[in-house]
Amino acid sequence: VSQSRYNVHVFLVWHGTSKKNMDSILKSGKFKGFPFFALDRETAEKFSKQAGSNPVVMDILVDPASVVPTGGYLTTVKEGLEKQNDGVWR
């Protein structure tokens, strides 16, 4: 996804988790550790159901420089991906 609004090229990816975890991520503006992101929503939905009760899927815009491919998914290049003021996670 390339959007001039962000002044960078961004990837739209999905993160399956529980509602409790999503609330914590959104409140802190950070992912803990090295989270995995699916390249399609359906895969993220499968993982969200394994995360516990109240499964959810988060739509995430990431800076390509912040992620690397790993086994069909993306993960972060460094620990603690953070949401920036422009809405892109880096």
N, C-alpha and C. Protein backbone atom coordinates (compact mmCIF):
# COMPACT_ATOMS: atom_id res chain seq x y z
N VAL A 1 0.86 -1.17 0.00
CA VAL A 1 0.00 0.00 0.00
C VAL A 1 0.90 1.22 0.00
N SER A 2 0.69 2.10 -0.92
CA SER A 2 1.44 3.35 -0.94
C SER A 2 0.45 4.48 -0.83
N GLN A 3 0.59 5.27 0.20
CA GLN A 3 -0.36 6.35 0.40
C GLN A 3 0.40 7.63 0.71
N SER A 4 0.13 8.67 -0.08
CA SER A 4 0.85 9.93 0.11
C SER A 4 0.59 10.53 1.48
N ARG A 5 -0.52 10.19 2.08
CA ARG A 5 -0.84 10.70 3.42
C ARG A 5 0.25 10.35 4.42
N TYR A 6 0.91 9.20 4.23
CA TYR A 6 1.91 8.73 5.17
C TYR A 6 3.32 9.13 4.78
N ASN A 7 3.50 9.68 3.58
CA ASN A 7 4.81 10.12 3.09
C ASN A 7 5.83 8.98 3.03
N VAL A 8 5.37 7.74 3.13
CA VAL A 8 6.23 6.57 2.98
C VAL A 8 5.38 5.46 2.36
N HIS A 9 6.04 4.46 1.85
CA HIS A 9 5.31 3.26 1.45
C HIS A 9 5.02 2.46 2.71
N VAL A 10 3.83 1.95 2.82
CA VAL A 10 3.46 1.17 4.00
C VAL A 10 2.84 -0.16 3.56
N PHE A 11 2.91 -1.14 4.44
CA PHE A 11 2.26 -2.43 4.22
C PHE A 11 1.02 -2.48 5.10
N LEU A 12 -0.07 -2.97 4.54
CA LEU A 12 -1.24 -3.29 5.34
C LEU A 12 -1.14 -4.76 5.70
N VAL A 13 -1.06 -5.04 6.99
CA VAL A 13 -0.95 -6.41 7.49
C VAL A 13 -1.98 -6.60 8.59
N TRP A 14 -2.12 -7.84 9.05
CA TRP A 14 -3.13 -8.15 10.05
C TRP A 14 -2.51 -8.88 11.22
N HIS A 15 -3.01 -8.59 12.41
CA HIS A 15 -2.52 -9.24 13.63
C HIS A 15 -3.71 -9.84 14.37
N GLY A 16 -3.70 -11.17 14.52
CA GLY A 16 -4.76 -11.85 15.25
C GLY A 16 -4.39 -11.97 16.71
N THR A 17 -5.32 -11.57 17.57
CA THR A 17 -5.07 -11.59 19.00
C THR A 17 -6.40 -11.62 19.75
N SER A 18 -6.37 -11.48 21.06
CA SER A 18 -7.59 -11.38 21.86
C SER A 18 -7.95 -9.91 22.04
N LYS A 19 -9.19 -9.65 22.37
CA LYS A 19 -9.61 -8.27 22.60
C LYS A 19 -8.81 -7.65 23.75
N LYS A 20 -8.54 -8.43 24.79
CA LYS A 20 -7.77 -7.94 25.93
C LYS A 20 -6.37 -7.50 25.48
N ASN A 21 -5.71 -8.32 24.67
CA ASN A 21 -4.38 -7.96 24.17
C ASN A 21 -4.45 -6.73 23.25
N MET A 22 -5.48 -6.70 22.38
CA MET A 22 -5.62 -5.55 21.50
C MET A 22 -5.78 -4.26 22.30
N ASP A 23 -6.61 -4.30 23.33
CA ASP A 23 -6.81 -3.10 24.17
C ASP A 23 -5.49 -2.65 24.78
N SER A 24 -4.69 -3.60 25.24
CA SER A 24 -3.39 -3.27 25.83
C SER A 24 -2.44 -2.67 24.79
N ILE A 25 -2.43 -3.24 23.60
CA ILE A 25 -1.58 -2.73 22.52
C ILE A 25 -1.98 -1.30 22.16
N LEU A 26 -3.28 -1.08 21.99
CA LEU A 26 -3.74 0.26 21.61
C LEU A 26 -3.52 1.29 22.71
N LYS A 27 -3.69 0.87 23.96
CA LYS A 27 -3.49 1.80 25.08
C LYS A 27 -2.03 2.22 25.19
N SER A 28 -1.12 1.25 25.05
CA SER A 28 0.31 1.56 25.21
C SER A 28 0.93 2.11 23.92
N GLY A 29 0.29 1.79 22.77
CA GLY A 29 0.88 2.20 21.49
C GLY A 29 2.08 1.37 21.12
N LYS A 30 2.21 0.17 21.75
CA LYS A 30 3.37 -0.68 21.51
C LYS A 30 2.97 -2.15 21.47
N PHE A 31 3.70 -2.88 20.65
CA PHE A 31 3.64 -4.34 20.69
C PHE A 31 4.80 -4.80 21.55
N LYS A 32 4.56 -5.78 22.40
CA LYS A 32 5.64 -6.36 23.19
C LYS A 32 6.35 -7.42 22.35
N GLY A 33 7.62 -7.58 22.56
CA GLY A 33 8.38 -8.63 21.90
C GLY A 33 8.47 -8.46 20.40
N PHE A 34 8.38 -9.58 19.71
CA PHE A 34 8.49 -9.62 18.25
C PHE A 34 7.19 -10.20 17.68
N PRO A 35 6.16 -9.39 17.51
CA PRO A 35 4.86 -9.91 17.06
C PRO A 35 4.92 -10.40 15.62
N PHE A 36 3.99 -11.28 15.29
CA PHE A 36 3.84 -11.78 13.93
C PHE A 36 2.65 -11.10 13.28
N PHE A 37 2.77 -10.86 11.99
CA PHE A 37 1.70 -10.25 11.21
C PHE A 37 1.41 -11.13 10.01
N ALA A 38 0.13 -11.37 9.77
CA ALA A 38 -0.28 -12.16 8.61
C ALA A 38 -0.37 -11.26 7.39
N LEU A 39 -0.18 -11.88 6.25
CA LEU A 39 -0.27 -11.14 4.99
C LEU A 39 -1.69 -11.13 4.43
N ASP A 40 -2.60 -11.83 5.12
CA ASP A 40 -4.01 -11.80 4.74
C ASP A 40 -4.87 -11.91 6.00
N ARG A 41 -6.05 -11.37 5.92
CA ARG A 41 -6.95 -11.31 7.07
C ARG A 41 -7.38 -12.70 7.55
N GLU A 42 -7.62 -13.61 6.61
CA GLU A 42 -8.10 -14.95 6.98
C GLU A 42 -7.10 -15.68 7.87
N THR A 43 -5.82 -15.56 7.57
CA THR A 43 -4.79 -16.20 8.40
C THR A 43 -4.79 -15.58 9.79
N ALA A 44 -4.90 -14.27 9.86
CA ALA A 44 -4.93 -13.59 11.17
C ALA A 44 -6.15 -14.02 11.98
N GLU A 45 -7.28 -14.25 11.30
CA GLU A 45 -8.48 -14.71 12.01
C GLU A 45 -8.25 -16.08 12.65
N LYS A 46 -7.54 -16.96 11.95
CA LYS A 46 -7.23 -18.28 12.51
C LYS A 46 -6.39 -18.15 13.77
N PHE A 47 -5.39 -17.27 13.73
CA PHE A 47 -4.53 -17.08 14.90
C PHE A 47 -5.25 -16.39 16.04
N SER A 48 -6.18 -15.50 15.72
CA SER A 48 -6.90 -14.80 16.78
C SER A 48 -7.71 -15.78 17.62
N LYS A 49 -8.21 -16.82 16.99
CA LYS A 49 -9.01 -17.81 17.72
C LYS A 49 -8.16 -18.63 18.67
N GLN A 50 -6.85 -18.68 18.44
CA GLN A 50 -5.94 -19.40 19.33
C GLN A 50 -5.46 -18.51 20.48
N ALA A 51 -5.74 -17.22 20.40
CA ALA A 51 -5.24 -16.27 21.39
C ALA A 51 -6.08 -16.20 22.66
N GLY A 52 -7.20 -16.90 22.68
CA GLY A 52 -8.05 -16.87 23.86
C GLY A 52 -9.44 -16.39 23.54
N SER A 53 -10.14 -15.94 24.57
CA SER A 53 -11.52 -15.51 24.38
C SER A 53 -11.57 -14.16 23.68
N ASN A 54 -12.68 -13.89 23.05
CA ASN A 54 -12.92 -12.64 22.33
C ASN A 54 -11.86 -12.37 21.27
N PRO A 55 -11.74 -13.25 20.26
CA PRO A 55 -10.74 -13.05 19.22
C PRO A 55 -11.03 -11.83 18.36
N VAL A 56 -9.97 -11.12 17.99
CA VAL A 56 -10.09 -9.94 17.13
C VAL A 56 -8.93 -9.95 16.13
N VAL A 57 -9.10 -9.18 15.06
CA VAL A 57 -8.04 -8.99 14.08
C VAL A 57 -7.78 -7.50 13.96
N MET A 58 -6.53 -7.12 14.12
CA MET A 58 -6.14 -5.72 14.00
C MET A 58 -5.58 -5.47 12.60
N ASP A 59 -6.05 -4.42 11.95
CA ASP A 59 -5.46 -3.97 10.69
C ASP A 59 -4.33 -3.02 11.05
N ILE A 60 -3.13 -3.30 10.57
CA ILE A 60 -1.95 -2.54 10.96
C ILE A 60 -1.25 -2.02 9.71
N LEU A 61 -0.89 -0.75 9.70
CA LEU A 61 -0.04 -0.20 8.66
C LEU A 61 1.37 -0.17 9.22
N VAL A 62 2.29 -0.89 8.56
CA VAL A 62 3.67 -0.94 9.03
C VAL A 62 4.62 -0.38 7.98
N ASP A 63 5.67 0.21 8.47
CA ASP A 63 6.76 0.67 7.63
C ASP A 63 7.53 -0.59 7.21
N PRO A 64 7.73 -0.82 5.91
CA PRO A 64 8.43 -2.02 5.46
C PRO A 64 9.81 -2.19 6.09
N ALA A 65 10.46 -1.11 6.45
CA ALA A 65 11.79 -1.19 7.07
C ALA A 65 11.72 -1.77 8.49
N SER A 66 10.52 -1.86 9.06
CA SER A 66 10.36 -2.34 10.43
C SER A 66 10.06 -3.83 10.53
N VAL A 67 9.84 -4.49 9.39
CA VAL A 67 9.46 -5.90 9.42
C VAL A 67 10.31 -6.73 8.46
N VAL A 68 10.35 -8.02 8.74
CA VAL A 68 11.05 -8.97 7.86
C VAL A 68 10.17 -10.21 7.69
N PRO A 69 10.27 -10.87 6.53
CA PRO A 69 9.50 -12.10 6.33
C PRO A 69 10.08 -13.24 7.13
N THR A 70 9.19 -14.09 7.65
CA THR A 70 9.63 -15.27 8.37
C THR A 70 8.55 -16.35 8.24
N GLY A 71 8.82 -17.34 7.46
CA GLY A 71 7.91 -18.48 7.33
C GLY A 71 6.51 -18.14 6.88
N GLY A 72 6.35 -17.25 5.93
CA GLY A 72 5.02 -16.90 5.43
C GLY A 72 4.35 -15.78 6.19
N TYR A 73 5.01 -15.24 7.16
CA TYR A 73 4.49 -14.13 7.96
C TYR A 73 5.52 -13.03 7.97
N LEU A 74 5.19 -11.95 8.65
CA LEU A 74 6.16 -10.89 8.90
C LEU A 74 6.34 -10.79 10.40
N THR A 75 7.54 -10.44 10.82
CA THR A 75 7.80 -10.13 12.22
C THR A 75 8.66 -8.88 12.24
N THR A 76 8.84 -8.30 13.40
CA THR A 76 9.56 -7.04 13.49
C THR A 76 11.07 -7.26 13.51
N VAL A 77 11.80 -6.28 13.01
CA VAL A 77 13.27 -6.37 13.00
C VAL A 77 13.85 -6.05 14.37
N LYS A 78 13.11 -5.32 15.18
CA LYS A 78 13.56 -5.05 16.55
C LYS A 78 12.38 -5.17 17.49
N GLU A 79 12.66 -5.39 18.74
CA GLU A 79 11.61 -5.58 19.74
C GLU A 79 10.86 -4.27 19.99
N GLY A 80 9.55 -4.39 20.17
CA GLY A 80 8.76 -3.25 20.62
C GLY A 80 8.30 -2.30 19.52
N LEU A 81 7.62 -2.82 18.51
CA LEU A 81 7.06 -1.99 17.46
C LEU A 81 6.13 -0.95 18.08
N GLU A 82 6.26 0.32 17.67
CA GLU A 82 5.45 1.39 18.25
C GLU A 82 4.67 2.14 17.18
N LYS A 83 3.47 2.58 17.56
CA LYS A 83 2.65 3.38 16.66
C LYS A 83 3.13 4.83 16.70
N GLN A 84 3.40 5.37 15.53
CA GLN A 84 3.90 6.73 15.42
C GLN A 84 2.75 7.72 15.22
N ASN A 85 3.03 8.99 15.29
CA ASN A 85 2.01 10.03 15.17
C ASN A 85 1.27 9.99 13.84
N ASP A 86 1.91 9.47 12.80
CA ASP A 86 1.25 9.40 11.48
C ASP A 86 0.40 8.15 11.33
N GLY A 87 0.30 7.32 12.39
CA GLY A 87 -0.52 6.13 12.35
C GLY A 87 0.20 4.90 11.84
N VAL A 88 1.45 5.04 11.44
CA VAL A 88 2.24 3.91 10.94
C VAL A 88 3.03 3.32 12.10
N TRP A 89 3.04 1.99 12.18
CA TRP A 89 3.79 1.30 13.23
C TRP A 89 5.22 1.08 12.75
N ARG A 90 6.19 1.47 13.59
CA ARG A 90 7.61 1.33 13.27
C ARG A 90 8.35 0.76 14.46
